[in-house]
Amino acid sequence: MSISAVDFASLLCSRLCHDLLSPVGALNNGLELLADEHDPDMRARCLDLLNESARASANKLKFFRLAFGAAGGFGETVDAREAKLAIEGLFGPDGRVELGWMVEAPALSKTAIKVLLNLALIAGDALVRGGRLDVGAEVQGSTTEVVVRAEGPRLVLDAELRDALSGRADEANLTPRAAAAWLVHQLASNTGGGVLVSAPTDPFVMFGATLHG
């Protein structure tokens, strides 16, 4: 049974709300504390926390707009630097994840950008204790190859995500956590390409996606 567009939209909305709940909730809590706090030092600390939460919320929204949205203002392609900035904004501020960027093309198709960002999201989430996230893409004629690799002291990639990326998932029972992985598989398959996933026994997580057209 194939998942409907409406059901997938619901899964995706659930995923986005889950990811935004923490920074937006922190904003709300910070405003409540600020309203009741009169000590200058504590008010300054509250403002710092509000700034951090606002920045985190903005970074997540910028990333999600490129990874899941239409990005209509960019035309048929997207500046690769926008993708790099989005990944840096999502994973870079706290210094837990070191980004290796290996994309020479100045721009990539919207489909390639979505695949790249969603694979980076999945790989970055797998770095439970931080580590290194390498992102690469190469365009040869009408074919684009995207490679994302994560390595760190602790890697966690659920079997559901592996199955969704590889096209083996039971679409009727997909959870919001697997929405990005399912989207990557669908985008690649729609171009006549596919996605490869490293073995669970490997000391790293690596994804390779091939897109045609």
N, C-alpha and C. Protein backbone atom coordinates (compact mmCIF):
# COMPACT_ATOMS: atom_id res chain seq x y z
N MET A 1 0.85 -1.21 0.00
CA MET A 1 0.00 0.00 0.00
C MET A 1 0.88 1.24 0.00
N SER A 2 0.64 2.14 -0.95
CA SER A 2 1.44 3.35 -1.06
C SER A 2 0.83 4.46 -0.22
N ILE A 3 1.68 5.22 0.44
CA ILE A 3 1.21 6.32 1.28
C ILE A 3 0.68 7.45 0.39
N SER A 4 -0.40 8.08 0.81
CA SER A 4 -0.98 9.16 0.03
C SER A 4 -0.23 10.45 0.28
N ALA A 5 -0.42 11.40 -0.63
CA ALA A 5 0.24 12.70 -0.49
C ALA A 5 -0.21 13.41 0.78
N VAL A 6 -1.51 13.26 1.12
CA VAL A 6 -2.04 13.90 2.32
C VAL A 6 -1.42 13.28 3.57
N ASP A 7 -1.31 11.96 3.59
CA ASP A 7 -0.72 11.29 4.74
C ASP A 7 0.75 11.67 4.90
N PHE A 8 1.46 11.77 3.77
CA PHE A 8 2.87 12.16 3.86
C PHE A 8 3.00 13.59 4.36
N ALA A 9 2.12 14.47 3.89
CA ALA A 9 2.15 15.86 4.36
C ALA A 9 1.94 15.91 5.87
N SER A 10 1.06 15.04 6.39
CA SER A 10 0.83 14.98 7.83
C SER A 10 2.07 14.51 8.57
N LEU A 11 2.75 13.49 8.02
CA LEU A 11 3.99 13.00 8.63
C LEU A 11 5.04 14.10 8.65
N LEU A 12 5.16 14.80 7.54
CA LEU A 12 6.16 15.85 7.45
C LEU A 12 5.87 16.99 8.41
N CYS A 13 4.60 17.38 8.51
CA CYS A 13 4.23 18.44 9.45
C CYS A 13 4.53 18.02 10.88
N SER A 14 4.28 16.76 11.20
CA SER A 14 4.59 16.26 12.54
C SER A 14 6.07 16.34 12.82
N ARG A 15 6.89 15.99 11.83
CA ARG A 15 8.34 16.05 12.00
C ARG A 15 8.80 17.49 12.21
N LEU A 16 8.28 18.41 11.41
CA LEU A 16 8.69 19.81 11.53
C LEU A 16 8.27 20.40 12.88
N CYS A 17 7.04 20.09 13.30
CA CYS A 17 6.56 20.60 14.59
C CYS A 17 7.42 20.06 15.73
N HIS A 18 7.79 18.79 15.64
CA HIS A 18 8.64 18.17 16.68
C HIS A 18 9.98 18.88 16.77
N ASP A 19 10.59 19.17 15.61
CA ASP A 19 11.91 19.79 15.60
C ASP A 19 11.87 21.25 16.03
N LEU A 20 10.74 21.92 15.80
CA LEU A 20 10.64 23.33 16.16
C LEU A 20 10.13 23.55 17.58
N LEU A 21 9.59 22.50 18.17
CA LEU A 21 9.00 22.64 19.50
C LEU A 21 10.01 23.10 20.54
N SER A 22 11.21 22.54 20.50
CA SER A 22 12.21 22.87 21.51
C SER A 22 12.64 24.34 21.48
N PRO A 23 13.11 24.88 20.33
CA PRO A 23 13.53 26.29 20.34
C PRO A 23 12.38 27.26 20.54
N VAL A 24 11.22 26.96 19.99
CA VAL A 24 10.07 27.86 20.16
C VAL A 24 9.58 27.81 21.61
N GLY A 25 9.59 26.61 22.20
CA GLY A 25 9.22 26.49 23.60
C GLY A 25 10.18 27.24 24.50
N ALA A 26 11.46 27.20 24.15
CA ALA A 26 12.46 27.93 24.93
C ALA A 26 12.23 29.44 24.83
N LEU A 27 11.80 29.90 23.67
CA LEU A 27 11.46 31.31 23.52
C LEU A 27 10.33 31.70 24.46
N ASN A 28 9.30 30.87 24.49
CA ASN A 28 8.15 31.16 25.33
C ASN A 28 8.55 31.17 26.81
N ASN A 29 9.35 30.17 27.21
CA ASN A 29 9.79 30.11 28.60
C ASN A 29 10.67 31.30 28.96
N GLY A 30 11.53 31.69 28.03
CA GLY A 30 12.41 32.83 28.27
C GLY A 30 11.64 34.12 28.46
N LEU A 31 10.60 34.32 27.66
CA LEU A 31 9.78 35.53 27.78
C LEU A 31 9.04 35.56 29.12
N GLU A 32 8.58 34.39 29.57
CA GLU A 32 7.90 34.33 30.86
C GLU A 32 8.86 34.65 32.00
N LEU A 33 10.08 34.12 31.90
CA LEU A 33 11.08 34.41 32.94
C LEU A 33 11.45 35.89 32.94
N LEU A 34 11.60 36.44 31.75
CA LEU A 34 11.99 37.84 31.63
C LEU A 34 10.93 38.76 32.25
N ALA A 35 9.67 38.40 32.08
CA ALA A 35 8.59 39.23 32.60
C ALA A 35 8.60 39.28 34.13
N ASP A 36 9.07 38.21 34.77
CA ASP A 36 9.06 38.12 36.24
C ASP A 36 10.41 38.42 36.88
N GLU A 37 11.42 38.65 36.06
CA GLU A 37 12.78 38.82 36.59
C GLU A 37 13.16 40.30 36.63
N HIS A 38 13.74 40.73 37.79
CA HIS A 38 14.12 42.13 37.94
C HIS A 38 15.62 42.29 38.17
N ASP A 39 16.32 41.21 38.44
CA ASP A 39 17.76 41.30 38.62
C ASP A 39 18.43 41.55 37.26
N PRO A 40 19.28 42.60 37.15
CA PRO A 40 19.89 42.94 35.85
C PRO A 40 20.70 41.79 35.25
N ASP A 41 21.47 41.06 36.06
CA ASP A 41 22.27 39.96 35.55
C ASP A 41 21.39 38.83 35.02
N MET A 42 20.35 38.52 35.75
CA MET A 42 19.45 37.45 35.31
C MET A 42 18.67 37.86 34.06
N ARG A 43 18.32 39.14 33.98
CA ARG A 43 17.62 39.61 32.78
C ARG A 43 18.54 39.52 31.56
N ALA A 44 19.82 39.83 31.78
CA ALA A 44 20.78 39.73 30.69
C ALA A 44 20.92 38.28 30.23
N ARG A 45 20.93 37.36 31.21
CA ARG A 45 21.01 35.94 30.87
C ARG A 45 19.77 35.48 30.11
N CYS A 46 18.61 35.96 30.53
CA CYS A 46 17.37 35.63 29.83
C CYS A 46 17.40 36.10 28.39
N LEU A 47 17.93 37.31 28.20
CA LEU A 47 18.02 37.85 26.83
C LEU A 47 18.97 37.03 25.98
N ASP A 48 20.07 36.55 26.58
CA ASP A 48 21.00 35.69 25.84
C ASP A 48 20.30 34.40 25.41
N LEU A 49 19.53 33.82 26.32
CA LEU A 49 18.82 32.59 26.00
C LEU A 49 17.76 32.83 24.92
N LEU A 50 17.11 33.98 24.99
CA LEU A 50 16.12 34.32 23.96
C LEU A 50 16.79 34.47 22.60
N ASN A 51 17.95 35.10 22.57
CA ASN A 51 18.67 35.26 21.31
C ASN A 51 19.08 33.91 20.73
N GLU A 52 19.56 33.01 21.60
CA GLU A 52 19.97 31.68 21.15
C GLU A 52 18.78 30.90 20.60
N SER A 53 17.65 30.97 21.28
CA SER A 53 16.46 30.26 20.85
C SER A 53 15.91 30.83 19.54
N ALA A 54 15.93 32.15 19.43
CA ALA A 54 15.45 32.79 18.20
C ALA A 54 16.35 32.41 17.02
N ARG A 55 17.66 32.38 17.25
CA ARG A 55 18.60 32.01 16.20
C ARG A 55 18.39 30.55 15.78
N ALA A 56 18.21 29.67 16.76
CA ALA A 56 17.99 28.26 16.46
C ALA A 56 16.70 28.06 15.66
N SER A 57 15.66 28.79 16.05
CA SER A 57 14.38 28.69 15.33
C SER A 57 14.53 29.16 13.89
N ALA A 58 15.21 30.29 13.70
CA ALA A 58 15.40 30.83 12.36
C ALA A 58 16.24 29.89 11.50
N ASN A 59 17.28 29.30 12.09
CA ASN A 59 18.13 28.38 11.34
C ASN A 59 17.37 27.14 10.90
N LYS A 60 16.53 26.61 11.79
CA LYS A 60 15.73 25.44 11.44
C LYS A 60 14.75 25.77 10.33
N LEU A 61 14.10 26.93 10.42
CA LEU A 61 13.14 27.31 9.39
C LEU A 61 13.81 27.50 8.04
N LYS A 62 14.99 28.11 8.02
CA LYS A 62 15.72 28.29 6.76
C LYS A 62 16.07 26.94 6.15
N PHE A 63 16.52 26.01 7.01
CA PHE A 63 16.87 24.67 6.52
C PHE A 63 15.63 23.96 5.97
N PHE A 64 14.54 23.97 6.74
CA PHE A 64 13.34 23.26 6.32
C PHE A 64 12.76 23.86 5.04
N ARG A 65 12.89 25.16 4.87
CA ARG A 65 12.37 25.79 3.65
C ARG A 65 13.07 25.23 2.42
N LEU A 66 14.38 25.06 2.51
CA LEU A 66 15.12 24.52 1.37
C LEU A 66 14.93 23.01 1.23
N ALA A 67 14.91 22.31 2.37
CA ALA A 67 14.86 20.85 2.34
C ALA A 67 13.47 20.32 1.97
N PHE A 68 12.42 21.04 2.36
CA PHE A 68 11.06 20.54 2.16
C PHE A 68 10.18 21.46 1.34
N GLY A 69 10.52 22.75 1.28
CA GLY A 69 9.65 23.71 0.62
C GLY A 69 9.86 23.77 -0.88
N ALA A 70 9.09 24.65 -1.52
CA ALA A 70 9.16 24.79 -2.97
C ALA A 70 10.36 25.60 -3.42
N ALA A 71 10.87 26.48 -2.55
CA ALA A 71 12.01 27.33 -2.90
C ALA A 71 11.81 27.98 -4.27
N GLY A 72 10.57 28.45 -4.52
CA GLY A 72 10.23 28.95 -5.85
C GLY A 72 11.02 30.17 -6.27
N GLY A 73 11.53 30.93 -5.32
CA GLY A 73 12.25 32.14 -5.68
C GLY A 73 13.60 31.89 -6.32
N PHE A 74 14.08 30.65 -6.28
CA PHE A 74 15.40 30.35 -6.81
C PHE A 74 15.38 29.84 -8.26
N GLY A 75 14.19 29.73 -8.88
CA GLY A 75 14.13 29.21 -10.24
C GLY A 75 14.30 27.70 -10.24
N GLU A 76 14.88 27.16 -11.31
CA GLU A 76 15.01 25.71 -11.44
C GLU A 76 16.19 25.15 -10.67
N THR A 77 17.14 25.99 -10.33
CA THR A 77 18.31 25.55 -9.56
C THR A 77 18.44 26.38 -8.29
N VAL A 78 19.26 25.87 -7.39
CA VAL A 78 19.51 26.56 -6.12
C VAL A 78 21.00 26.73 -5.93
N ASP A 79 21.42 27.90 -5.51
CA ASP A 79 22.83 28.16 -5.23
C ASP A 79 23.31 27.18 -4.16
N ALA A 80 24.37 26.44 -4.47
CA ALA A 80 24.88 25.44 -3.53
C ALA A 80 25.31 26.06 -2.21
N ARG A 81 25.70 27.34 -2.25
CA ARG A 81 26.11 28.01 -1.01
C ARG A 81 24.95 28.15 -0.04
N GLU A 82 23.71 28.23 -0.57
CA GLU A 82 22.54 28.31 0.29
C GLU A 82 22.39 27.01 1.08
N ALA A 83 22.67 25.90 0.43
CA ALA A 83 22.58 24.61 1.10
C ALA A 83 23.66 24.49 2.18
N LYS A 84 24.85 24.95 1.87
CA LYS A 84 25.94 24.90 2.85
C LYS A 84 25.59 25.74 4.08
N LEU A 85 25.10 26.95 3.86
CA LEU A 85 24.74 27.82 4.97
C LEU A 85 23.62 27.21 5.81
N ALA A 86 22.68 26.53 5.14
CA ALA A 86 21.58 25.91 5.86
C ALA A 86 22.08 24.78 6.77
N ILE A 87 23.01 23.98 6.27
CA ILE A 87 23.57 22.89 7.07
C ILE A 87 24.40 23.44 8.22
N GLU A 88 25.20 24.46 7.94
CA GLU A 88 26.00 25.09 9.00
C GLU A 88 25.10 25.68 10.08
N GLY A 89 24.00 26.29 9.68
CA GLY A 89 23.09 26.89 10.64
C GLY A 89 22.41 25.85 11.52
N LEU A 90 22.14 24.68 10.93
CA LEU A 90 21.45 23.64 11.68
C LEU A 90 22.37 22.90 12.62
N PHE A 91 23.59 22.58 12.18
CA PHE A 91 24.48 21.73 12.97
C PHE A 91 25.73 22.43 13.50
N GLY A 92 26.05 23.60 12.97
CA GLY A 92 27.33 24.20 13.30
C GLY A 92 27.45 25.08 14.52
N PRO A 93 26.38 25.78 14.96
CA PRO A 93 26.54 26.79 16.02
C PRO A 93 27.14 26.28 17.32
N ASP A 94 26.80 25.06 17.75
CA ASP A 94 27.31 24.58 19.04
C ASP A 94 28.67 23.90 18.92
N GLY A 95 29.20 23.77 17.71
CA GLY A 95 30.53 23.20 17.52
C GLY A 95 30.60 21.69 17.66
N ARG A 96 29.45 21.02 17.81
CA ARG A 96 29.47 19.57 17.99
C ARG A 96 29.76 18.84 16.68
N VAL A 97 29.39 19.45 15.56
CA VAL A 97 29.54 18.80 14.27
C VAL A 97 30.45 19.63 13.37
N GLU A 98 31.48 18.99 12.85
CA GLU A 98 32.40 19.63 11.90
C GLU A 98 31.93 19.28 10.49
N LEU A 99 31.75 20.30 9.67
CA LEU A 99 31.24 20.10 8.31
C LEU A 99 32.38 20.09 7.30
N GLY A 100 32.40 19.05 6.48
CA GLY A 100 33.31 18.99 5.34
C GLY A 100 32.48 19.19 4.08
N TRP A 101 32.75 20.23 3.32
CA TRP A 101 31.94 20.59 2.15
C TRP A 101 32.71 20.29 0.88
N MET A 102 32.19 19.39 0.06
CA MET A 102 32.85 18.97 -1.17
C MET A 102 31.89 19.06 -2.35
N VAL A 103 31.35 20.24 -2.54
CA VAL A 103 30.45 20.51 -3.64
C VAL A 103 31.06 21.64 -4.48
N GLU A 104 31.54 21.30 -5.66
CA GLU A 104 32.19 22.30 -6.50
C GLU A 104 31.21 23.04 -7.41
N ALA A 105 30.13 22.40 -7.76
CA ALA A 105 29.15 23.03 -8.64
C ALA A 105 28.56 24.27 -7.96
N PRO A 106 28.47 25.39 -8.68
CA PRO A 106 27.91 26.60 -8.07
C PRO A 106 26.43 26.49 -7.76
N ALA A 107 25.73 25.64 -8.50
CA ALA A 107 24.29 25.47 -8.29
C ALA A 107 23.90 24.03 -8.59
N LEU A 108 22.84 23.59 -7.94
CA LEU A 108 22.30 22.24 -8.15
C LEU A 108 20.81 22.35 -8.39
N SER A 109 20.24 21.33 -9.01
CA SER A 109 18.80 21.32 -9.23
C SER A 109 18.08 21.29 -7.89
N LYS A 110 16.82 21.70 -7.90
CA LYS A 110 16.03 21.68 -6.67
C LYS A 110 15.97 20.28 -6.08
N THR A 111 15.81 19.29 -6.96
CA THR A 111 15.74 17.90 -6.48
C THR A 111 17.03 17.50 -5.80
N ALA A 112 18.16 17.83 -6.42
CA ALA A 112 19.46 17.48 -5.83
C ALA A 112 19.67 18.18 -4.49
N ILE A 113 19.26 19.44 -4.41
CA ILE A 113 19.39 20.18 -3.15
C ILE A 113 18.55 19.53 -2.06
N LYS A 114 17.33 19.14 -2.38
CA LYS A 114 16.47 18.50 -1.39
C LYS A 114 17.07 17.17 -0.92
N VAL A 115 17.57 16.39 -1.87
CA VAL A 115 18.18 15.11 -1.51
C VAL A 115 19.41 15.34 -0.64
N LEU A 116 20.25 16.28 -1.04
CA LEU A 116 21.47 16.58 -0.28
C LEU A 116 21.13 17.03 1.15
N LEU A 117 20.19 17.95 1.28
CA LEU A 117 19.85 18.47 2.60
C LEU A 117 19.19 17.42 3.49
N ASN A 118 18.30 16.62 2.92
CA ASN A 118 17.64 15.61 3.72
C ASN A 118 18.60 14.50 4.14
N LEU A 119 19.53 14.14 3.28
CA LEU A 119 20.55 13.16 3.68
C LEU A 119 21.45 13.75 4.76
N ALA A 120 21.78 15.03 4.63
CA ALA A 120 22.60 15.69 5.67
C ALA A 120 21.84 15.73 6.99
N LEU A 121 20.53 15.97 6.93
CA LEU A 121 19.71 15.99 8.14
C LEU A 121 19.72 14.64 8.84
N ILE A 122 19.55 13.57 8.07
CA ILE A 122 19.52 12.22 8.63
C ILE A 122 20.89 11.85 9.20
N ALA A 123 21.95 12.14 8.44
CA ALA A 123 23.30 11.82 8.90
C ALA A 123 23.69 12.65 10.11
N GLY A 124 23.32 13.92 10.11
CA GLY A 124 23.64 14.78 11.25
C GLY A 124 22.92 14.34 12.51
N ASP A 125 21.67 13.92 12.36
CA ASP A 125 20.92 13.42 13.52
C ASP A 125 21.53 12.13 14.07
N ALA A 126 22.20 11.37 13.20
CA ALA A 126 22.82 10.12 13.64
C ALA A 126 24.05 10.37 14.51
N LEU A 127 24.61 11.58 14.44
CA LEU A 127 25.78 11.94 15.25
C LEU A 127 25.33 12.35 16.65
N VAL A 128 24.98 11.37 17.44
CA VAL A 128 24.40 11.63 18.77
C VAL A 128 25.35 12.43 19.65
N ARG A 129 26.64 12.15 19.57
CA ARG A 129 27.63 12.87 20.39
C ARG A 129 28.53 13.76 19.53
N GLY A 130 28.03 14.17 18.40
CA GLY A 130 28.83 15.02 17.53
C GLY A 130 29.80 14.21 16.69
N GLY A 131 30.56 14.91 15.88
CA GLY A 131 31.52 14.26 15.00
C GLY A 131 31.71 15.06 13.73
N ARG A 132 31.93 14.37 12.64
CA ARG A 132 32.20 15.02 11.36
C ARG A 132 31.13 14.63 10.35
N LEU A 133 30.68 15.62 9.61
CA LEU A 133 29.68 15.42 8.57
C LEU A 133 30.26 15.91 7.25
N ASP A 134 30.47 14.99 6.33
CA ASP A 134 31.01 15.33 5.02
C ASP A 134 29.89 15.28 3.98
N VAL A 135 29.81 16.33 3.18
CA VAL A 135 28.76 16.43 2.17
C VAL A 135 29.40 16.72 0.82
N GLY A 136 29.09 15.89 -0.16
CA GLY A 136 29.66 16.07 -1.49
C GLY A 136 28.63 15.88 -2.58
N ALA A 137 28.86 16.51 -3.72
CA ALA A 137 27.97 16.35 -4.87
C ALA A 137 28.78 16.59 -6.14
N GLU A 138 28.47 15.81 -7.17
CA GLU A 138 29.17 15.95 -8.45
C GLU A 138 28.16 15.85 -9.57
N VAL A 139 28.26 16.75 -10.52
CA VAL A 139 27.36 16.77 -11.66
C VAL A 139 28.12 16.37 -12.91
N GLN A 140 27.63 15.34 -13.58
CA GLN A 140 28.22 14.87 -14.83
C GLN A 140 27.11 14.75 -15.86
N GLY A 141 27.06 15.71 -16.76
CA GLY A 141 25.99 15.73 -17.75
C GLY A 141 24.64 15.90 -17.08
N SER A 142 23.74 14.95 -17.30
CA SER A 142 22.41 15.01 -16.71
C SER A 142 22.30 14.21 -15.42
N THR A 143 23.43 13.71 -14.93
CA THR A 143 23.43 12.90 -13.71
C THR A 143 24.10 13.63 -12.57
N THR A 144 23.47 13.60 -11.42
CA THR A 144 24.05 14.20 -10.20
C THR A 144 24.22 13.11 -9.16
N GLU A 145 25.39 13.03 -8.58
CA GLU A 145 25.66 12.08 -7.52
C GLU A 145 25.88 12.85 -6.22
N VAL A 146 25.19 12.44 -5.18
CA VAL A 146 25.29 13.06 -3.86
C VAL A 146 25.80 12.03 -2.87
N VAL A 147 26.81 12.42 -2.09
CA VAL A 147 27.37 11.53 -1.07
C VAL A 147 27.41 12.28 0.25
N VAL A 148 26.91 11.65 1.30
CA VAL A 148 26.93 12.22 2.64
C VAL A 148 27.48 11.17 3.59
N ARG A 149 28.45 11.57 4.41
CA ARG A 149 29.11 10.64 5.32
C ARG A 149 29.18 11.24 6.72
N ALA A 150 28.85 10.45 7.72
CA ALA A 150 28.91 10.89 9.12
C ALA A 150 29.79 9.93 9.91
N GLU A 151 30.66 10.50 10.73
CA GLU A 151 31.53 9.68 11.56
C GLU A 151 31.71 10.36 12.90
N GLY A 152 31.54 9.61 13.98
CA GLY A 152 31.66 10.17 15.31
C GLY A 152 31.74 9.09 16.37
N PRO A 153 31.87 9.50 17.64
CA PRO A 153 32.02 8.53 18.73
C PRO A 153 30.80 7.65 18.95
N ARG A 154 29.64 8.13 18.56
CA ARG A 154 28.43 7.31 18.67
C ARG A 154 27.50 7.62 17.51
N LEU A 155 27.16 6.59 16.74
CA LEU A 155 26.28 6.75 15.58
C LEU A 155 25.02 5.93 15.79
N VAL A 156 23.88 6.56 15.57
CA VAL A 156 22.60 5.86 15.71
C VAL A 156 21.76 6.13 14.47
N LEU A 157 21.49 5.08 13.70
CA LEU A 157 20.63 5.19 12.52
C LEU A 157 19.60 4.07 12.60
N ASP A 158 18.36 4.44 12.86
CA ASP A 158 17.30 3.45 13.05
C ASP A 158 17.10 2.61 11.79
N ALA A 159 16.71 1.38 12.00
CA ALA A 159 16.43 0.47 10.89
C ALA A 159 15.31 1.03 10.00
N GLU A 160 14.35 1.73 10.62
CA GLU A 160 13.27 2.32 9.84
C GLU A 160 13.79 3.32 8.81
N LEU A 161 14.80 4.09 9.19
CA LEU A 161 15.38 5.06 8.26
C LEU A 161 16.13 4.35 7.14
N ARG A 162 16.87 3.31 7.49
CA ARG A 162 17.57 2.53 6.46
C ARG A 162 16.58 1.95 5.45
N ASP A 163 15.50 1.40 5.97
CA ASP A 163 14.50 0.79 5.09
C ASP A 163 13.83 1.84 4.20
N ALA A 164 13.53 3.00 4.78
CA ALA A 164 12.88 4.05 4.00
C ALA A 164 13.79 4.56 2.89
N LEU A 165 15.07 4.75 3.20
CA LEU A 165 16.02 5.22 2.19
C LEU A 165 16.19 4.20 1.07
N SER A 166 16.18 2.92 1.44
CA SER A 166 16.42 1.85 0.46
C SER A 166 15.15 1.41 -0.26
N GLY A 167 14.00 1.96 0.12
CA GLY A 167 12.75 1.59 -0.54
C GLY A 167 12.13 0.33 0.00
N ARG A 168 12.57 -0.12 1.16
CA ARG A 168 12.03 -1.37 1.73
C ARG A 168 11.00 -1.10 2.83
N ALA A 169 10.70 0.15 3.09
CA ALA A 169 9.80 0.49 4.19
C ALA A 169 8.35 0.14 3.87
N ASP A 170 7.61 -0.19 4.90
CA ASP A 170 6.16 -0.37 4.78
C ASP A 170 5.55 1.02 4.81
N GLU A 171 5.20 1.55 3.66
CA GLU A 171 4.76 2.94 3.57
C GLU A 171 3.50 3.21 4.41
N ALA A 172 2.68 2.19 4.60
CA ALA A 172 1.45 2.38 5.38
C ALA A 172 1.74 2.61 6.85
N ASN A 173 2.95 2.24 7.29
CA ASN A 173 3.29 2.37 8.70
C ASN A 173 4.47 3.32 8.94
N LEU A 174 4.71 4.22 8.01
CA LEU A 174 5.79 5.19 8.20
C LEU A 174 5.50 6.10 9.38
N THR A 175 6.55 6.49 10.09
CA THR A 175 6.42 7.44 11.20
C THR A 175 7.00 8.78 10.77
N PRO A 176 6.69 9.87 11.49
CA PRO A 176 7.26 11.18 11.15
C PRO A 176 8.78 11.18 11.10
N ARG A 177 9.41 10.35 11.93
CA ARG A 177 10.87 10.30 11.96
C ARG A 177 11.45 9.86 10.61
N ALA A 178 10.70 9.05 9.87
CA ALA A 178 11.19 8.53 8.60
C ALA A 178 10.76 9.36 7.39
N ALA A 179 10.09 10.47 7.63
CA ALA A 179 9.56 11.27 6.51
C ALA A 179 10.67 11.75 5.58
N ALA A 180 11.77 12.25 6.15
CA ALA A 180 12.86 12.75 5.31
C ALA A 180 13.50 11.63 4.50
N ALA A 181 13.65 10.46 5.10
CA ALA A 181 14.26 9.32 4.40
C ALA A 181 13.36 8.85 3.26
N TRP A 182 12.07 8.79 3.52
CA TRP A 182 11.13 8.36 2.47
C TRP A 182 11.13 9.37 1.32
N LEU A 183 11.20 10.66 1.66
CA LEU A 183 11.23 11.69 0.64
C LEU A 183 12.46 11.54 -0.25
N VAL A 184 13.62 11.27 0.34
CA VAL A 184 14.84 11.09 -0.44
C VAL A 184 14.68 9.92 -1.41
N HIS A 185 14.17 8.81 -0.91
CA HIS A 185 13.98 7.63 -1.78
C HIS A 185 13.05 7.95 -2.94
N GLN A 186 11.95 8.64 -2.65
CA GLN A 186 10.99 8.97 -3.70
C GLN A 186 11.57 9.92 -4.73
N LEU A 187 12.28 10.94 -4.26
CA LEU A 187 12.88 11.91 -5.18
C LEU A 187 13.88 11.24 -6.11
N ALA A 188 14.73 10.37 -5.54
CA ALA A 188 15.73 9.68 -6.36
C ALA A 188 15.05 8.71 -7.33
N SER A 189 14.07 7.96 -6.85
CA SER A 189 13.38 6.98 -7.70
C SER A 189 12.65 7.66 -8.85
N ASN A 190 12.08 8.82 -8.59
CA ASN A 190 11.34 9.53 -9.63
C ASN A 190 12.22 9.98 -10.79
N THR A 191 13.53 10.07 -10.55
CA THR A 191 14.45 10.44 -11.63
C THR A 191 15.04 9.21 -12.31
N GLY A 192 14.69 8.02 -11.83
CA GLY A 192 15.29 6.81 -12.36
C GLY A 192 16.56 6.43 -11.63
N GLY A 193 16.84 7.10 -10.52
CA GLY A 193 18.03 6.81 -9.75
C GLY A 193 17.71 6.01 -8.50
N GLY A 194 18.58 6.11 -7.51
CA GLY A 194 18.37 5.36 -6.28
C GLY A 194 19.28 5.83 -5.17
N VAL A 195 19.17 5.17 -4.02
CA VAL A 195 19.94 5.54 -2.83
C VAL A 195 20.61 4.30 -2.27
N LEU A 196 21.89 4.42 -1.93
CA LEU A 196 22.64 3.36 -1.28
C LEU A 196 22.95 3.77 0.15
N VAL A 197 22.94 2.80 1.06
CA VAL A 197 23.18 3.06 2.48
C VAL A 197 24.27 2.11 2.96
N SER A 198 25.22 2.63 3.74
CA SER A 198 26.29 1.80 4.29
C SER A 198 25.71 0.73 5.21
N ALA A 199 26.49 -0.32 5.44
CA ALA A 199 26.03 -1.44 6.27
C ALA A 199 25.98 -1.03 7.74
N PRO A 200 25.07 -1.62 8.51
CA PRO A 200 24.97 -1.31 9.94
C PRO A 200 26.25 -1.60 10.71
N THR A 201 27.07 -2.50 10.20
CA THR A 201 28.30 -2.86 10.89
C THR A 201 29.46 -1.91 10.60
N ASP A 202 29.30 -1.01 9.64
CA ASP A 202 30.37 -0.06 9.32
C ASP A 202 30.54 0.95 10.45
N PRO A 203 31.79 1.42 10.68
CA PRO A 203 32.03 2.39 11.76
C PRO A 203 31.66 3.82 11.37
N PHE A 204 30.89 3.97 10.34
CA PHE A 204 30.44 5.28 9.86
C PHE A 204 29.07 5.09 9.22
N VAL A 205 28.42 6.19 8.94
CA VAL A 205 27.16 6.17 8.19
C VAL A 205 27.41 6.91 6.88
N MET A 206 27.10 6.26 5.76
CA MET A 206 27.32 6.90 4.47
C MET A 206 26.13 6.63 3.55
N PHE A 207 25.70 7.68 2.87
CA PHE A 207 24.63 7.59 1.90
C PHE A 207 25.14 8.02 0.53
N GLY A 208 24.67 7.34 -0.49
CA GLY A 208 24.98 7.75 -1.85
C GLY A 208 23.71 7.78 -2.67
N ALA A 209 23.43 8.90 -3.29
CA ALA A 209 22.21 9.04 -4.10
C ALA A 209 22.58 9.42 -5.53
N THR A 210 21.94 8.75 -6.49
CA THR A 210 22.15 9.05 -7.89
C THR A 210 20.85 9.58 -8.48
N LEU A 211 20.94 10.74 -9.13
CA LEU A 211 19.78 11.38 -9.72
C LEU A 211 20.01 11.58 -11.20
N HIS A 212 19.03 11.27 -12.02
CA HIS A 212 19.13 11.43 -13.47
C HIS A 212 18.17 12.52 -13.95
N GLY A 213 18.61 13.21 -14.97
CA GLY A 213 17.73 14.21 -15.57
C GLY A 213 17.80 15.56 -14.89
